[in-house]
C-alpha cells in the first residue's frame, strides 16, 4: 500500500484518467473527490463488504428453513 500525505486541495493521479482530490479535512473526517471515467465503478469498501455478507447469508439458508422446505416437499408429494 502506498501512503501519501495530502492537504485540502491537493490531488493524486492514478493512471491516465483518475484524479483523487482531498476536498476537506475536519478532525478525523476527510472528504475526497474522485474524477474518473463513468465506465469505472467506484464503490465504498464497507458497502461492498456488507453486500457480500448479505449475499452469503441469502445463499446459505438456515437448518430450520431447510427442514421446513423438506417437510413441505414430502407433504406435497404424498
N, C-alpha and C. Protein backbone atom coordinates (compact mmCIF):
# COMPACT_ATOMS: atom_id res chain seq x y z
N UNK A 1 0.85 -1.18 0.00
CA UNK A 1 0.00 0.00 0.00
C UNK A 1 0.89 1.24 0.00
N UNK A 2 0.58 2.13 -0.88
CA UNK A 2 1.27 3.42 -0.95
C UNK A 2 0.54 4.39 -0.02
N UNK A 3 1.27 5.05 0.85
CA UNK A 3 0.68 6.02 1.78
C UNK A 3 1.24 7.40 1.45
N UNK A 4 0.34 8.34 1.20
CA UNK A 4 0.74 9.70 0.87
C UNK A 4 0.08 10.68 1.83
N UNK A 5 0.74 11.77 2.10
CA UNK A 5 0.14 12.86 2.86
C UNK A 5 -0.30 13.94 1.89
N UNK A 6 -1.52 14.38 2.02
CA UNK A 6 -2.07 15.41 1.16
C UNK A 6 -2.82 16.40 2.02
N UNK A 7 -2.86 17.64 1.59
CA UNK A 7 -3.64 18.69 2.25
C UNK A 7 -4.88 18.97 1.41
N UNK A 8 -5.83 19.68 2.01
CA UNK A 8 -7.03 20.06 1.27
C UNK A 8 -6.64 20.77 -0.02
N UNK A 9 -7.26 20.38 -1.13
CA UNK A 9 -6.97 20.98 -2.42
C UNK A 9 -5.90 20.25 -3.20
N UNK A 10 -5.16 19.36 -2.56
CA UNK A 10 -4.12 18.61 -3.25
C UNK A 10 -4.70 17.31 -3.80
N UNK A 11 -4.08 16.81 -4.87
CA UNK A 11 -4.60 15.63 -5.57
C UNK A 11 -3.51 14.61 -5.80
N UNK A 12 -3.97 13.41 -6.15
CA UNK A 12 -3.08 12.39 -6.70
C UNK A 12 -3.74 11.89 -7.98
N UNK A 13 -2.93 11.43 -8.91
CA UNK A 13 -3.43 10.94 -10.19
C UNK A 13 -3.11 9.45 -10.27
N UNK A 14 -4.14 8.66 -10.62
CA UNK A 14 -3.98 7.22 -10.79
C UNK A 14 -4.12 6.91 -12.26
N UNK A 15 -3.11 6.31 -12.83
CA UNK A 15 -3.15 6.03 -14.27
C UNK A 15 -3.20 7.33 -15.05
N UNK A 16 -3.93 7.29 -16.16
CA UNK A 16 -4.01 8.47 -17.02
C UNK A 16 -5.28 9.28 -16.83
N UNK A 17 -6.31 8.67 -16.20
CA UNK A 17 -7.60 9.36 -16.21
C UNK A 17 -8.36 9.32 -14.89
N UNK A 18 -7.66 9.11 -13.79
CA UNK A 18 -8.32 9.11 -12.47
C UNK A 18 -7.58 10.09 -11.57
N UNK A 19 -8.32 11.05 -11.03
CA UNK A 19 -7.74 12.03 -10.11
C UNK A 19 -8.51 11.99 -8.80
N UNK A 20 -7.78 11.84 -7.70
CA UNK A 20 -8.38 11.85 -6.37
C UNK A 20 -7.91 13.13 -5.68
N UNK A 21 -8.87 13.95 -5.24
CA UNK A 21 -8.56 15.25 -4.64
C UNK A 21 -9.09 15.29 -3.21
N UNK A 22 -8.26 15.77 -2.29
CA UNK A 22 -8.71 15.99 -0.92
C UNK A 22 -9.48 17.30 -0.93
N UNK A 23 -10.77 17.22 -0.59
CA UNK A 23 -11.61 18.41 -0.60
C UNK A 23 -11.60 19.14 0.73
N UNK A 24 -11.63 18.37 1.81
CA UNK A 24 -11.76 18.98 3.13
C UNK A 24 -11.29 18.00 4.20
N UNK A 25 -10.68 18.54 5.25
CA UNK A 25 -10.28 17.72 6.40
C UNK A 25 -10.86 18.39 7.64
N UNK A 26 -11.68 17.63 8.37
CA UNK A 26 -12.26 18.11 9.64
C UNK A 26 -12.06 17.05 10.69
N UNK A 27 -11.12 17.28 11.57
CA UNK A 27 -10.84 16.28 12.61
C UNK A 27 -10.41 14.97 11.98
N UNK A 28 -11.16 13.91 12.25
CA UNK A 28 -10.81 12.61 11.69
C UNK A 28 -11.63 12.26 10.44
N UNK A 29 -12.31 13.24 9.86
CA UNK A 29 -13.10 13.02 8.65
C UNK A 29 -12.44 13.72 7.47
N UNK A 30 -12.24 12.98 6.40
CA UNK A 30 -11.62 13.53 5.19
C UNK A 30 -12.62 13.37 4.05
N UNK A 31 -12.94 14.45 3.38
CA UNK A 31 -13.81 14.40 2.19
C UNK A 31 -12.90 14.39 0.97
N UNK A 32 -13.16 13.42 0.09
CA UNK A 32 -12.37 13.33 -1.13
C UNK A 32 -13.29 13.39 -2.34
N UNK A 33 -12.74 13.84 -3.44
CA UNK A 33 -13.44 13.85 -4.71
C UNK A 33 -12.70 12.95 -5.67
N UNK A 34 -13.43 12.18 -6.46
CA UNK A 34 -12.82 11.27 -7.42
C UNK A 34 -13.32 11.64 -8.81
N UNK A 35 -12.40 11.99 -9.66
CA UNK A 35 -12.71 12.31 -11.05
C UNK A 35 -12.22 11.13 -11.88
N UNK A 36 -13.20 10.37 -12.42
CA UNK A 36 -12.86 9.17 -13.18
C UNK A 36 -13.88 8.98 -14.29
N UNK A 37 -13.54 8.21 -15.30
CA UNK A 37 -14.50 7.93 -16.37
C UNK A 37 -15.75 7.26 -15.81
N UNK A 38 -16.90 7.54 -16.41
CA UNK A 38 -18.16 6.94 -15.94
C UNK A 38 -18.14 5.42 -16.03
N UNK A 39 -17.34 4.88 -16.91
CA UNK A 39 -17.27 3.42 -17.07
C UNK A 39 -16.57 2.74 -15.89
N UNK A 40 -15.84 3.50 -15.10
CA UNK A 40 -15.14 2.95 -13.94
C UNK A 40 -16.08 2.88 -12.75
N UNK A 41 -16.20 1.71 -12.17
CA UNK A 41 -17.05 1.54 -10.99
C UNK A 41 -16.27 1.98 -9.75
N UNK A 42 -16.89 2.84 -8.94
CA UNK A 42 -16.28 3.30 -7.70
C UNK A 42 -17.27 2.98 -6.58
N UNK A 43 -16.82 2.19 -5.61
CA UNK A 43 -17.69 1.77 -4.51
C UNK A 43 -16.98 2.00 -3.18
N UNK A 44 -17.77 2.20 -2.14
CA UNK A 44 -17.22 2.29 -0.78
C UNK A 44 -16.97 0.87 -0.30
N UNK A 45 -15.79 0.62 0.24
CA UNK A 45 -15.39 -0.73 0.63
C UNK A 45 -16.33 -1.33 1.67
N UNK A 46 -16.80 -0.52 2.63
CA UNK A 46 -17.67 -1.07 3.68
C UNK A 46 -19.01 -1.51 3.11
N UNK A 47 -19.50 -0.85 2.07
CA UNK A 47 -20.75 -1.27 1.44
C UNK A 47 -20.57 -2.56 0.65
N UNK A 48 -19.43 -2.72 0.00
CA UNK A 48 -19.16 -3.96 -0.71
C UNK A 48 -19.07 -5.13 0.26
N UNK A 49 -18.42 -4.92 1.41
CA UNK A 49 -18.32 -5.97 2.41
C UNK A 49 -19.69 -6.33 2.96
N UNK A 50 -20.52 -5.33 3.20
CA UNK A 50 -21.88 -5.57 3.70
C UNK A 50 -22.71 -6.32 2.66
N UNK A 51 -22.61 -5.96 1.41
CA UNK A 51 -23.34 -6.64 0.34
C UNK A 51 -22.87 -8.09 0.21
N UNK A 52 -21.57 -8.30 0.29
CA UNK A 52 -21.03 -9.64 0.20
C UNK A 52 -21.56 -10.53 1.33
N UNK A 53 -21.59 -10.00 2.53
CA UNK A 53 -22.10 -10.76 3.69
C UNK A 53 -23.58 -11.04 3.52
N UNK A 54 -24.33 -10.07 3.05
CA UNK A 54 -25.76 -10.25 2.82
C UNK A 54 -26.01 -11.34 1.78
N UNK A 55 -25.23 -11.32 0.71
CA UNK A 55 -25.35 -12.34 -0.32
C UNK A 55 -24.99 -13.72 0.21
N UNK A 56 -23.97 -13.78 1.04
CA UNK A 56 -23.55 -15.05 1.63
C UNK A 56 -24.66 -15.63 2.51
N UNK A 57 -25.28 -14.77 3.31
CA UNK A 57 -26.36 -15.22 4.18
C UNK A 57 -27.57 -15.67 3.37
N UNK A 58 -27.88 -14.96 2.30
CA UNK A 58 -29.03 -15.31 1.47
C UNK A 58 -28.79 -16.64 0.75
N UNK A 59 -27.55 -16.94 0.43
CA UNK A 59 -27.22 -18.17 -0.28
C UNK A 59 -27.10 -19.37 0.66
N UNK A 60 -27.12 -19.13 1.97
CA UNK A 60 -26.97 -20.19 2.96
C UNK A 60 -28.17 -20.20 3.88
N UNK A 61 -29.25 -20.87 3.49
CA UNK A 61 -30.45 -20.88 4.34
C UNK A 61 -30.19 -21.61 5.66
N UNK A 62 -30.96 -21.25 6.66
CA UNK A 62 -30.79 -21.86 7.98
C UNK A 62 -31.23 -23.32 7.94
N UNK A 63 -30.77 -24.11 8.91
CA UNK A 63 -31.15 -25.52 9.01
C UNK A 63 -32.65 -25.65 9.19
N UNK A 64 -33.26 -24.75 9.97
CA UNK A 64 -34.71 -24.80 10.19
C UNK A 64 -35.47 -24.60 8.88
N UNK A 65 -35.00 -23.66 8.09
CA UNK A 65 -35.67 -23.40 6.81
C UNK A 65 -35.56 -24.60 5.87
N UNK A 66 -34.40 -25.22 5.84
CA UNK A 66 -34.21 -26.41 5.00
C UNK A 66 -35.12 -27.53 5.48
N UNK A 67 -35.23 -27.72 6.79
CA UNK A 67 -36.11 -28.76 7.34
C UNK A 67 -37.57 -28.48 6.99
N UNK A 68 -37.99 -27.21 7.09
CA UNK A 68 -39.37 -26.85 6.76
C UNK A 68 -39.66 -27.12 5.29
N UNK A 69 -38.74 -26.76 4.43
CA UNK A 69 -38.91 -27.00 2.99
C UNK A 69 -38.95 -28.49 2.68
N UNK A 70 -38.08 -29.23 3.32
CA UNK A 70 -38.06 -30.68 3.13
C UNK A 70 -39.39 -31.29 3.55
N UNK A 71 -39.91 -30.86 4.69
CA UNK A 71 -41.18 -31.36 5.18
C UNK A 71 -42.30 -30.98 4.24
N UNK A 72 -42.28 -29.75 3.73
CA UNK A 72 -43.32 -29.31 2.80
C UNK A 72 -43.29 -30.11 1.51
N UNK A 73 -42.10 -30.44 1.03
CA UNK A 73 -41.98 -31.22 -0.20
C UNK A 73 -42.48 -32.66 0.01
N UNK A 74 -42.23 -33.21 1.18
CA UNK A 74 -42.72 -34.55 1.49
C UNK A 74 -44.24 -34.56 1.54
N UNK A 75 -44.82 -33.53 2.13
CA UNK A 75 -46.26 -33.42 2.26
C UNK A 75 -46.91 -33.27 0.89
N UNK A 76 -46.31 -32.45 0.02
CA UNK A 76 -46.87 -32.22 -1.31
C UNK A 76 -46.76 -33.46 -2.20
N UNK A 77 -45.74 -34.27 -1.95
CA UNK A 77 -45.51 -35.44 -2.77
C UNK A 77 -46.43 -36.60 -2.46
N UNK A 78 -47.09 -36.57 -1.33
CA UNK A 78 -47.98 -37.69 -0.92
C UNK A 78 -49.32 -37.63 -1.55
